[in-house]
Amino acid sequence: MRRPASIVWFRSDLRLADNPALTAAVKRGGPVLPVFVWSPDEEGDWAPGAASRWWLHHSLVSLSSAIGKLASVLVIRQGDTLGQLRQLARQSGANAVFWNDRYEPRVALRDRHIKESLRGAGFDAQSFGAGLLHEPGTVLNQAGKPYQVFTPFWRACLGVTDPPLPLHAPRRLPPPASWPRTLPLDALALLPAGNWARGLEAAWKPGEAGARANLRRFIRTALAGYADGRNRPGQQGTSRLSPHLHFGEISPRQVWHTLATAAREPPPRRSGKKRQPGRSQGTAVAAWRSSQFMTEIGWREFAHHLLFHFPHTPREPLRPKFRKFPWRFNARLMTAWQRGRTGYPLVDAGMRELWATGWMHNRVRMVAASFLVKDLLIDWRQGAAWFWDTLVDADLANNTLGWQWVAGCGADAAPYYRVFNPVGQGEKFDPDGDYVRRWVPELARLPDNWLHRPFDAPAAALKKAGVVLGRDYPAPVVSHAFARQIALMTYAKLGRD
């Protein structure tokens, strides 16, 4: 007798390899029905933004193609998730639903309700950890409470047994006797109108294959120099894996073990030369575990750890005293920041890169965020909302941690007196001006010593470069030195109250 079908509910796990829910369905035996349900209303304020929807569309194209090569079909539905899953079960004869966990508070609450409802109706409903190295709630301090400082948290993670090896992708997905109705992907209307997405299309290749290619590129060209290169926005010194990880096109477990393998492999020997004695494999792997790149993976783990234990933080500061911080709002200044017209070239370059590509270099993210919350004293939540809509890697945990860190109101936050100087940061990390010249081309002819401070450049230098401040490029919307003093006084007063 043929075993009933199993539904695999895809969400932020848009891959075939190392997919525990998919593996469980295949091992169970019987037909496997891959399903994606578009239900943004169930995510409330944190439904995917415009850039994320663009990525989701193309990632689903990639996943659908990969599933098609396994003699199967990705069934697409829209609307109430529980209702759609029940309807699909009736139409396919399925009596099991498997999925991989998500950790956003509202989604996790919805998922628990779905699991209870399905089990109450007699279904085998199971969910699996697939998006993190360590499930939230499994790494606690000695008092059994959540960590609020990164370093001891990550040290504890590294003290735990290494994650298991990634699961292999299935070679075939047994089809049901008849396929339920599926919507065309275009019916979800995920793509933005107009030509805004052209820059995203030029910059990215969503999907599982694109994720693997990006990881290989990073290992080959940037991993060795990551500690320094990650701070250079004018170079390809970062992994650019964040959107692939967010949409689950690659798992952190895959990244972990791929890099572990790379650490064990000796560098290629030059022709005609004997191999020089080097570090043992054990030493190399130990160095990799404590490397700067793995530390960045650790920050992603920490962000989800915090969101799980402090679910109010997307809307409220972790540190209660910041609830009374006197944020200001100025529509003109907010618009200048969003459009990359603040008069500070590094900030403007970052904001223009964000709009054009759906991504911003992490060093510049910190500088741009600091400028908004400390130079302009605009609420960090306003910045987080803009990033949520424009980033292809918009992730509730990471976005919340990053903005609260810069604002000084979250866990392991930067001290309030740390106010990034956009000029100094530009001169230090973009000394040749490659990044600014790419994204702020109206300043391209300025010499390096004035590129990050055009407002201080002599008239002759501006004229030679063809720049008229206020016409070709804006004058600064605020004086950084003055704004810094106001911010420090405001933060200090909050500490005294």
Protein backbone atom coordinates (compact mmCIF):
# COMPACT_ATOMS: atom_id res chain seq x y z
CA MET A 1 0.00 0.00 0.00
CA ARG A 2 1.35 3.40 -1.00
CA ARG A 3 2.21 5.74 1.87
CA PRO A 4 0.25 9.03 2.03
CA ALA A 5 1.92 12.17 0.74
CA SER A 6 3.94 14.62 2.82
CA ILE A 7 3.80 18.39 2.32
CA VAL A 8 7.08 20.30 2.63
CA TRP A 9 6.27 23.93 3.42
CA PHE A 10 9.11 26.14 2.14
CA ARG A 11 9.66 29.54 3.75
CA SER A 12 13.10 31.05 4.49
CA ASP A 13 14.82 27.80 3.51
CA LEU A 14 14.79 28.05 -0.27
CA ARG A 15 17.28 25.26 -0.96
CA LEU A 16 17.38 21.53 -1.53
CA ALA A 17 20.67 20.72 0.22
CA ASP A 18 20.85 20.65 4.01
CA ASN A 19 17.09 21.02 4.28
CA PRO A 20 15.95 18.93 7.27
CA ALA A 21 12.23 19.25 6.50
CA LEU A 22 12.73 18.05 2.94
CA THR A 23 14.99 15.22 4.05
CA ALA A 24 12.42 14.08 6.64
CA ALA A 25 9.66 14.00 4.02
CA VAL A 26 11.77 11.95 1.62
CA LYS A 27 12.81 9.50 4.35
CA ARG A 28 9.20 9.05 5.42
CA GLY A 29 8.41 7.58 2.02
CA GLY A 30 5.49 8.29 -0.25
CA PRO A 31 4.87 11.32 -2.47
CA VAL A 32 6.43 14.69 -1.55
CA LEU A 33 4.53 17.90 -2.27
CA PRO A 34 6.77 21.03 -2.18
CA VAL A 35 4.71 24.10 -1.29
CA PHE A 36 5.23 27.85 -0.90
CA VAL A 37 2.44 29.99 0.58
CA TRP A 38 2.61 33.77 0.20
CA SER A 39 0.89 35.26 3.27
CA PRO A 40 2.45 38.68 4.05
CA ASP A 41 -0.48 39.80 6.22
CA GLU A 42 0.42 37.09 8.73
CA GLU A 43 3.81 38.78 9.28
CA GLY A 44 2.27 42.15 10.17
CA ASP A 45 4.64 45.11 10.09
CA TRP A 46 7.51 42.81 9.18
CA ALA A 47 6.24 41.48 5.89
CA PRO A 48 9.07 41.53 3.33
CA GLY A 49 9.96 44.96 1.98
CA ALA A 50 10.29 45.88 -1.69
CA ALA A 51 13.90 44.73 -2.12
CA SER A 52 13.24 41.49 -0.24
CA ARG A 53 10.21 40.75 -2.41
CA TRP A 54 12.36 41.19 -5.51
CA TRP A 55 14.86 38.69 -4.11
CA LEU A 56 12.11 36.30 -3.06
CA HIS A 57 10.66 36.25 -6.56
CA HIS A 58 13.97 35.29 -8.15
CA SER A 59 14.83 32.83 -5.40
CA LEU A 60 11.51 31.07 -5.99
CA VAL A 61 12.29 30.95 -9.72
CA SER A 62 15.57 29.23 -8.87
CA LEU A 63 13.97 26.83 -6.37
CA SER A 64 11.15 25.95 -8.76
CA SER A 65 13.69 25.14 -11.48
CA ALA A 66 15.75 22.97 -9.12
CA ILE A 67 12.63 21.10 -7.96
CA GLY A 68 11.60 20.60 -11.58
CA LYS A 69 14.88 18.78 -12.23
CA LEU A 70 13.81 16.29 -9.54
CA ALA A 71 10.65 15.43 -11.50
CA SER A 72 8.54 17.53 -9.15
CA VAL A 73 6.71 20.87 -8.98
CA LEU A 74 6.78 23.75 -6.49
CA VAL A 75 3.12 24.44 -5.73
CA ILE A 76 2.53 28.15 -5.07
CA ARG A 77 -0.45 29.42 -3.11
CA GLN A 78 -1.53 32.72 -1.58
CA GLY A 79 -3.64 33.56 1.46
CA ASP A 80 -4.31 32.03 4.86
CA THR A 81 -1.47 29.57 5.42
CA LEU A 82 -3.31 27.08 7.60
CA GLY A 83 -6.27 27.05 5.24
CA GLN A 84 -4.05 26.55 2.21
CA LEU A 85 -2.14 23.71 3.85
CA ARG A 86 -5.37 21.93 4.80
CA GLN A 87 -6.74 22.39 1.29
CA LEU A 88 -3.55 21.03 -0.26
CA ALA A 89 -3.65 18.05 2.08
CA ARG A 90 -7.20 17.23 1.00
CA GLN A 91 -6.32 17.57 -2.67
CA SER A 92 -3.15 15.47 -2.47
CA GLY A 93 -4.09 12.97 0.22
CA ALA A 94 -1.24 14.23 2.44
CA ASN A 95 -1.33 13.49 6.16
CA ALA A 96 1.98 15.11 7.14
CA VAL A 97 3.38 18.64 6.94
CA PHE A 98 7.07 19.37 7.52
CA TRP A 99 8.80 22.74 7.67
CA ASN A 100 11.91 24.47 8.99
CA ASP A 101 11.66 26.90 11.87
CA ARG A 102 11.66 30.66 11.70
CA TYR A 103 12.37 32.78 14.75
CA GLU A 104 10.65 36.14 14.25
CA PRO A 105 8.25 36.51 17.22
CA ARG A 106 5.00 36.92 15.28
CA VAL A 107 5.88 34.20 12.76
CA ALA A 108 6.95 31.79 15.49
CA LEU A 109 3.62 32.36 17.28
CA ARG A 110 1.73 31.73 14.02
CA ASP A 111 3.76 28.57 13.40
CA ARG A 112 2.93 27.18 16.85
CA HIS A 113 -0.77 27.72 16.15
CA ILE A 114 -0.47 25.95 12.79
CA LYS A 115 1.37 23.00 14.34
CA GLU A 116 -1.21 22.63 17.12
CA SER A 117 -4.12 22.88 14.66
CA LEU A 118 -2.65 20.33 12.28
CA ARG A 119 -1.80 17.88 15.04
CA GLY A 120 -5.28 18.33 16.49
CA ALA A 121 -6.67 17.32 13.10
CA GLY A 122 -4.54 14.16 13.05
CA PHE A 123 -1.64 15.34 10.91
CA ASP A 124 1.99 14.51 11.50
CA ALA A 125 3.24 18.12 11.80
CA GLN A 126 6.95 18.62 12.48
CA SER A 127 9.37 21.53 12.28
CA PHE A 128 13.16 21.48 12.26
CA GLY A 129 16.05 23.77 13.05
CA ALA A 130 17.76 24.73 9.81
CA GLY A 131 18.70 28.42 9.83
CA LEU A 132 21.26 28.70 12.64
CA LEU A 133 24.25 26.85 14.04
CA HIS A 134 22.61 26.77 17.47
CA GLU A 135 18.88 26.98 18.06
CA PRO A 136 17.74 29.98 20.12
CA GLY A 137 17.44 29.09 23.77
CA THR A 138 20.12 26.40 23.69
CA VAL A 139 23.07 28.67 24.55
CA LEU A 140 22.60 30.31 27.98
CA ASN A 141 24.93 31.67 30.64
CA GLN A 142 25.77 29.84 33.85
CA ALA A 143 22.70 31.30 35.52
CA GLY A 144 20.50 29.86 32.79
CA LYS A 145 19.73 33.29 31.40
CA PRO A 146 20.30 34.75 27.92
CA TYR A 147 23.57 36.47 27.14
CA GLN A 148 23.45 40.19 26.47
CA VAL A 149 27.11 40.61 25.55
CA PHE A 150 28.48 39.12 22.35
CA THR A 151 31.95 37.91 23.34
CA PRO A 152 30.93 35.46 26.10
CA PHE A 153 27.99 34.32 23.96
CA TRP A 154 30.20 33.43 21.01
CA ARG A 155 32.82 31.88 23.27
CA ALA A 156 30.09 29.62 24.65
CA CYS A 157 28.97 28.73 21.11
CA LEU A 158 32.50 27.77 20.12
CA GLY A 159 32.68 25.58 23.21
CA VAL A 160 29.74 23.50 21.99
CA THR A 161 30.23 20.51 19.71
CA ASP A 162 30.61 21.50 16.06
CA PRO A 163 27.36 21.39 14.07
CA PRO A 164 26.69 18.15 12.20
CA LEU A 165 27.59 17.78 8.56
CA PRO A 166 25.10 19.24 6.08
CA LEU A 167 22.46 16.96 4.61
CA HIS A 168 22.64 15.99 0.95
CA ALA A 169 20.02 17.20 -1.50
CA PRO A 170 17.56 14.51 -2.61
CA ARG A 171 17.99 13.05 -6.09
CA ARG A 172 14.27 12.70 -6.75
CA LEU A 173 10.98 13.76 -5.18
CA PRO A 174 8.19 11.19 -5.66
CA PRO A 175 5.18 13.02 -7.13
CA PRO A 176 1.59 12.72 -5.89
CA ALA A 177 -0.98 10.88 -8.00
CA SER A 178 -2.36 14.23 -9.17
CA TRP A 179 -1.01 17.74 -8.71
CA PRO A 180 -3.08 20.36 -6.87
CA ARG A 181 -3.66 23.70 -8.54
CA THR A 182 -0.73 26.12 -8.38
CA LEU A 183 -0.57 29.85 -8.98
CA PRO A 184 1.87 31.31 -11.47
CA LEU A 185 4.65 33.09 -9.58
CA ASP A 186 3.79 36.40 -11.24
CA ALA A 187 0.38 36.27 -9.53
CA LEU A 188 2.12 37.11 -6.25
CA ALA A 189 3.19 40.51 -7.71
CA LEU A 190 6.51 40.46 -5.90
CA LEU A 191 8.45 42.47 -8.47
CA PRO A 192 8.54 46.28 -8.20
CA ALA A 193 7.12 48.46 -10.95
CA GLY A 194 9.41 50.48 -13.20
CA ASN A 195 13.13 50.06 -13.68
CA TRP A 196 14.24 50.34 -10.04
CA ALA A 197 15.25 46.69 -9.93
CA ARG A 198 17.82 46.92 -12.74
CA GLY A 199 20.59 47.65 -10.29
CA LEU A 200 19.58 44.66 -8.18
CA GLU A 201 19.60 42.43 -11.24
CA ALA A 202 23.11 43.59 -12.14
CA ALA A 203 24.44 43.02 -8.61
CA TRP A 204 22.93 39.69 -7.57
CA LYS A 205 22.09 36.14 -8.56
CA PRO A 206 19.48 34.88 -6.08
CA GLY A 207 19.10 31.16 -5.54
CA GLU A 208 20.95 28.16 -4.20
CA ALA A 209 23.43 28.04 -7.09
CA GLY A 210 24.16 31.75 -6.68
CA ALA A 211 24.79 31.26 -2.96
CA ARG A 212 27.29 28.46 -3.57
CA ALA A 213 29.05 30.49 -6.27
CA ASN A 214 29.31 33.48 -3.94
CA LEU A 215 30.83 31.34 -1.19
CA ARG A 216 33.38 29.88 -3.61
CA ARG A 217 34.26 33.36 -4.87
CA PHE A 218 34.75 34.59 -1.32
CA ILE A 219 37.03 31.70 -0.33
CA ARG A 220 39.07 32.08 -3.50
CA THR A 221 39.49 35.85 -3.59
CA ALA A 222 38.74 37.48 -0.24
CA LEU A 223 38.83 35.11 2.74
CA ALA A 224 42.59 35.33 3.33
CA GLY A 225 42.48 39.12 3.57
CA TYR A 226 39.08 39.38 5.23
CA ALA A 227 40.24 40.94 8.52
CA ASP A 228 41.34 44.07 6.65
CA GLY A 229 39.30 43.81 3.45
CA ARG A 230 35.96 43.70 5.26
CA ASN A 231 36.45 47.36 6.20
CA ARG A 232 37.26 48.57 2.67
CA PRO A 233 34.02 49.46 0.88
CA GLY A 234 35.88 50.09 -2.37
CA GLN A 235 37.03 46.46 -2.54
CA GLN A 236 35.25 43.11 -2.89
CA GLY A 237 36.44 42.13 0.57
CA THR A 238 33.25 40.72 2.10
CA SER A 239 31.34 37.50 1.52
CA ARG A 240 28.05 39.11 0.38
CA LEU A 241 26.35 35.99 1.73
CA SER A 242 23.85 37.83 3.94
CA PRO A 243 20.83 37.71 1.57
CA HIS A 244 21.57 34.09 0.68
CA LEU A 245 21.64 33.20 4.38
CA HIS A 246 18.50 35.18 5.12
CA PHE A 247 16.48 33.41 2.43
CA GLY A 248 18.00 30.06 3.33
CA GLU A 249 19.61 29.48 -0.06
CA ILE A 250 22.61 28.31 1.91
CA SER A 251 22.71 27.26 5.55
CA PRO A 252 25.22 28.44 8.17
CA ARG A 253 26.04 24.77 8.64
CA GLN A 254 27.11 24.59 4.99
CA VAL A 255 29.21 27.73 5.40
CA TRP A 256 30.80 26.38 8.58
CA HIS A 257 31.87 23.06 7.09
CA THR A 258 32.92 24.51 3.73
CA LEU A 259 35.26 26.91 5.50
CA ALA A 260 36.48 24.18 7.82
CA THR A 261 37.44 22.12 4.79
CA ALA A 262 39.17 25.10 3.22
CA ALA A 263 41.14 25.66 6.44
CA ARG A 264 42.40 22.06 6.41
CA GLU A 265 43.59 22.21 2.83
CA PRO A 266 47.19 23.44 2.39
CA PRO A 267 47.76 26.25 -0.10
CA PRO A 268 48.75 25.12 -3.60
CA ARG A 269 52.47 24.47 -4.08
CA ARG A 270 54.29 26.63 -6.57
CA SER A 271 55.81 24.75 -9.48
CA GLY A 272 59.39 23.60 -8.88
CA LYS A 273 59.41 24.45 -5.18
CA LYS A 274 59.25 22.19 -2.18
CA ARG A 275 56.37 22.65 0.18
CA GLN A 276 57.40 24.72 3.15
CA PRO A 277 56.51 23.50 6.64
CA GLY A 278 53.41 25.22 7.87
CA ARG A 279 50.72 25.00 10.47
CA SER A 280 49.20 21.66 11.33
CA GLN A 281 45.61 21.01 10.34
CA GLY A 282 44.57 21.35 13.97
CA THR A 283 46.22 24.76 14.26
CA ALA A 284 44.70 25.90 10.96
CA VAL A 285 41.19 24.87 12.01
CA ALA A 286 41.60 26.54 15.41
CA ALA A 287 42.64 29.74 13.65
CA TRP A 288 39.65 29.51 11.33
CA ARG A 289 37.19 29.02 14.22
CA SER A 290 38.44 32.21 15.86
CA SER A 291 38.76 34.12 12.57
CA GLN A 292 37.09 37.45 11.94
CA PHE A 293 34.73 35.97 9.37
CA MET A 294 33.45 33.29 11.73
CA THR A 295 33.00 36.01 14.32
CA GLU A 296 30.66 37.73 11.86
CA ILE A 297 28.68 34.48 11.58
CA GLY A 298 28.62 34.58 15.37
CA TRP A 299 27.03 38.04 15.33
CA ARG A 300 24.24 36.63 13.17
CA GLU A 301 23.71 33.90 15.77
CA PHE A 302 23.73 36.50 18.55
CA ALA A 303 21.14 38.63 16.75
CA HIS A 304 18.70 35.72 16.59
CA HIS A 305 19.49 34.77 20.20
CA LEU A 306 18.50 38.30 21.29
CA LEU A 307 15.35 38.44 19.19
CA PHE A 308 14.21 35.09 20.58
CA HIS A 309 14.71 36.11 24.21
CA PHE A 310 13.69 39.77 23.83
CA PRO A 311 10.91 39.75 21.23
CA HIS A 312 9.92 43.36 21.93
CA THR A 313 13.19 44.79 20.59
CA PRO A 314 12.16 45.47 16.96
CA ARG A 315 9.89 48.16 18.41
CA GLU A 316 11.38 49.00 21.80
CA PRO A 317 14.95 49.49 23.03
CA LEU A 318 16.47 46.67 25.03
CA ARG A 319 17.70 49.19 27.60
CA PRO A 320 14.50 50.58 29.19
CA LYS A 321 15.90 54.04 29.95
CA PHE A 322 16.12 54.76 26.21
CA ARG A 323 12.35 54.72 25.94
CA LYS A 324 12.40 58.38 26.98
CA PHE A 325 15.21 59.44 24.66
CA PRO A 326 14.22 62.76 23.03
CA TRP A 327 14.44 61.73 19.40
CA ARG A 328 13.63 64.36 16.83
CA PHE A 329 12.06 64.02 13.42
CA ASN A 330 12.80 66.32 10.51
CA ALA A 331 11.32 65.25 7.18
CA ARG A 332 13.82 67.31 5.18
CA LEU A 333 16.82 65.75 6.90
CA MET A 334 15.33 62.27 6.70
CA THR A 335 14.83 62.66 2.95
CA ALA A 336 18.36 63.97 2.49
CA TRP A 337 19.70 60.89 4.29
CA GLN A 338 17.53 58.48 2.31
CA ARG A 339 18.55 59.98 -1.03
CA GLY A 340 22.25 60.29 -0.30
CA ARG A 341 22.22 64.09 -0.21
CA THR A 342 23.62 64.84 3.25
CA GLY A 343 26.80 66.56 2.05
CA TYR A 344 29.00 63.86 3.61
CA PRO A 345 30.35 61.75 0.72
CA LEU A 346 30.82 58.43 2.54
CA VAL A 347 27.29 58.54 3.97
CA ASP A 348 25.84 59.55 0.60
CA ALA A 349 27.78 56.87 -1.26
CA GLY A 350 26.39 54.22 1.07
CA MET A 351 22.81 55.38 0.77
CA ARG A 352 23.07 55.50 -3.01
CA GLU A 353 24.64 52.03 -3.11
CA LEU A 354 21.72 50.81 -1.00
CA TRP A 355 19.12 52.27 -3.35
CA ALA A 356 20.89 51.01 -6.47
CA THR A 357 21.82 47.48 -5.36
CA GLY A 358 19.71 46.65 -2.28
CA TRP A 359 22.86 46.30 -0.19
CA MET A 360 25.39 48.45 1.64
CA HIS A 361 28.88 47.64 2.85
CA ASN A 362 28.80 46.92 6.58
CA ARG A 363 31.38 49.55 7.55
CA VAL A 364 29.33 52.15 5.69
CA ARG A 365 26.10 50.87 7.27
CA MET A 366 27.53 51.73 10.67
CA VAL A 367 28.61 55.19 9.53
CA ALA A 368 25.29 55.95 7.79
CA ALA A 369 23.30 54.69 10.78
CA SER A 370 25.41 56.69 13.22
CA PHE A 371 24.87 59.82 11.12
CA LEU A 372 21.09 59.40 11.28
CA VAL A 373 20.76 58.69 14.99
CA LYS A 374 23.60 60.79 16.39
CA ASP A 375 24.24 63.62 13.95
CA LEU A 376 20.55 64.09 13.13
CA LEU A 377 19.08 62.60 16.36
CA ILE A 378 16.41 60.82 14.31
CA ASP A 379 14.91 57.72 15.93
CA TRP A 380 16.77 54.51 15.07
CA ARG A 381 13.44 52.90 14.22
CA GLN A 382 13.03 55.30 11.30
CA GLY A 383 16.34 54.12 9.90
CA ALA A 384 15.52 50.47 10.57
CA ALA A 385 12.26 50.86 8.63
CA TRP A 386 14.09 52.33 5.62
CA PHE A 387 16.64 49.54 5.66
CA TRP A 388 13.84 47.00 5.98
CA ASP A 389 12.28 48.18 2.74
CA THR A 390 15.47 48.68 0.71
CA LEU A 391 17.86 45.90 1.78
CA VAL A 392 17.82 42.57 -0.05
CA ASP A 393 19.22 41.04 3.16
CA ALA A 394 16.65 42.71 5.43
CA ASP A 395 16.53 40.41 8.45
CA LEU A 396 14.54 41.32 11.54
CA ALA A 397 17.12 40.00 14.00
CA ASN A 398 20.16 41.51 12.27
CA ASN A 399 18.44 44.80 11.48
CA THR A 400 17.30 45.24 15.07
CA LEU A 401 20.67 44.36 16.58
CA GLY A 402 22.57 46.64 14.21
CA TRP A 403 20.43 49.71 14.74
CA GLN A 404 20.21 49.32 18.52
CA TRP A 405 23.98 48.76 18.63
CA VAL A 406 24.65 52.05 16.84
CA ALA A 407 22.00 53.92 18.83
CA GLY A 408 23.49 52.65 22.09
CA CYS A 409 20.18 51.25 23.36
CA GLY A 410 20.70 47.53 22.76
CA ALA A 411 22.80 44.58 23.83
CA ASP A 412 26.58 44.93 23.62
CA ALA A 413 25.88 48.41 22.29
CA ALA A 414 28.50 50.90 21.23
CA PRO A 415 29.15 53.40 24.05
CA TYR A 416 27.02 56.50 23.65
CA TYR A 417 30.12 58.62 23.15
CA ARG A 418 31.08 56.69 20.01
CA VAL A 419 29.90 58.92 17.18
CA PHE A 420 31.33 57.90 13.83
CA ASN A 421 33.02 60.77 12.01
CA PRO A 422 31.97 60.38 8.36
CA VAL A 423 35.01 62.29 7.13
CA GLY A 424 37.53 60.38 9.23
CA GLN A 425 35.91 57.06 8.38
CA GLY A 426 36.08 57.87 4.68
CA GLU A 427 39.72 58.91 4.81
CA LYS A 428 40.66 55.80 6.77
CA PHE A 429 38.70 53.13 4.95
CA ASP A 430 38.32 54.64 1.46
CA PRO A 431 41.67 56.44 1.21
CA ASP A 432 41.87 56.22 -2.59
CA GLY A 433 38.26 57.28 -2.94
CA ASP A 434 37.25 54.33 -5.11
CA TYR A 435 33.98 53.82 -3.26
CA VAL A 436 32.92 57.46 -3.14
CA ARG A 437 33.89 58.09 -6.76
CA ARG A 438 31.74 55.17 -7.86
CA TRP A 439 28.59 56.21 -6.03
CA VAL A 440 29.04 60.00 -5.90
CA PRO A 441 30.39 60.60 -9.40
CA GLU A 442 29.83 64.36 -9.25
CA LEU A 443 32.85 64.50 -6.92
CA ALA A 444 35.01 62.12 -8.97
CA ARG A 445 37.46 64.80 -10.13
CA LEU A 446 38.25 66.08 -6.65
CA PRO A 447 41.71 65.06 -5.41
CA ASP A 448 41.90 62.46 -2.65
CA ASN A 449 42.71 64.97 0.08
CA TRP A 450 39.42 66.83 -0.49
CA LEU A 451 37.17 64.01 -1.68
CA HIS A 452 35.76 63.18 1.74
CA ARG A 453 35.50 66.84 2.80
CA PRO A 454 34.43 68.84 -0.25
CA PHE A 455 32.99 71.53 2.03
CA ASP A 456 36.56 72.30 3.19
CA ALA A 457 38.10 72.27 -0.30
CA PRO A 458 39.53 75.57 -1.60
CA ALA A 459 37.60 77.30 -4.34
CA ALA A 460 40.32 76.53 -6.88
CA ALA A 461 40.13 72.78 -6.22
CA LEU A 462 36.34 72.80 -6.50
CA LYS A 463 36.45 74.80 -9.72
CA LYS A 464 39.04 72.50 -11.28
CA ALA A 465 36.88 69.49 -10.37
CA GLY A 466 33.79 71.16 -11.83
CA VAL A 467 31.95 71.15 -8.50
CA VAL A 468 29.71 73.92 -7.24
CA LEU A 469 28.54 73.14 -3.73
CA GLY A 470 24.81 73.57 -3.41
CA ARG A 471 24.36 72.93 -7.13
CA ASP A 472 26.31 69.83 -8.10
CA TYR A 473 26.63 68.43 -4.61
CA PRO A 474 24.91 69.61 -1.40
CA ALA A 475 26.55 71.46 1.41
CA PRO A 476 26.46 69.50 4.69
CA VAL A 477 22.98 69.37 6.21
CA VAL A 478 24.58 69.71 9.66
CA SER A 479 28.00 70.43 11.08
CA HIS A 480 29.31 67.09 12.30
CA ALA A 481 31.41 68.69 15.06
CA PHE A 482 28.44 70.65 16.39
CA ALA A 483 26.00 67.74 16.00
CA ARG A 484 28.39 65.46 17.87
CA GLN A 485 28.45 67.80 20.86
CA ILE A 486 24.65 68.00 20.92
CA ALA A 487 24.40 64.21 20.75
CA LEU A 488 26.90 63.72 23.56
CA MET A 489 25.07 66.19 25.80
CA THR A 490 21.72 64.54 25.05
CA TYR A 491 23.04 61.05 25.78
CA ALA A 492 24.83 62.22 28.92
CA LYS A 493 21.66 63.84 30.23
CA LEU A 494 19.76 60.59 29.69
CA GLY A 495 22.38 58.82 31.79
CA ARG A 496 21.98 61.32 34.65
CA ASP A 497 18.17 61.21 34.71
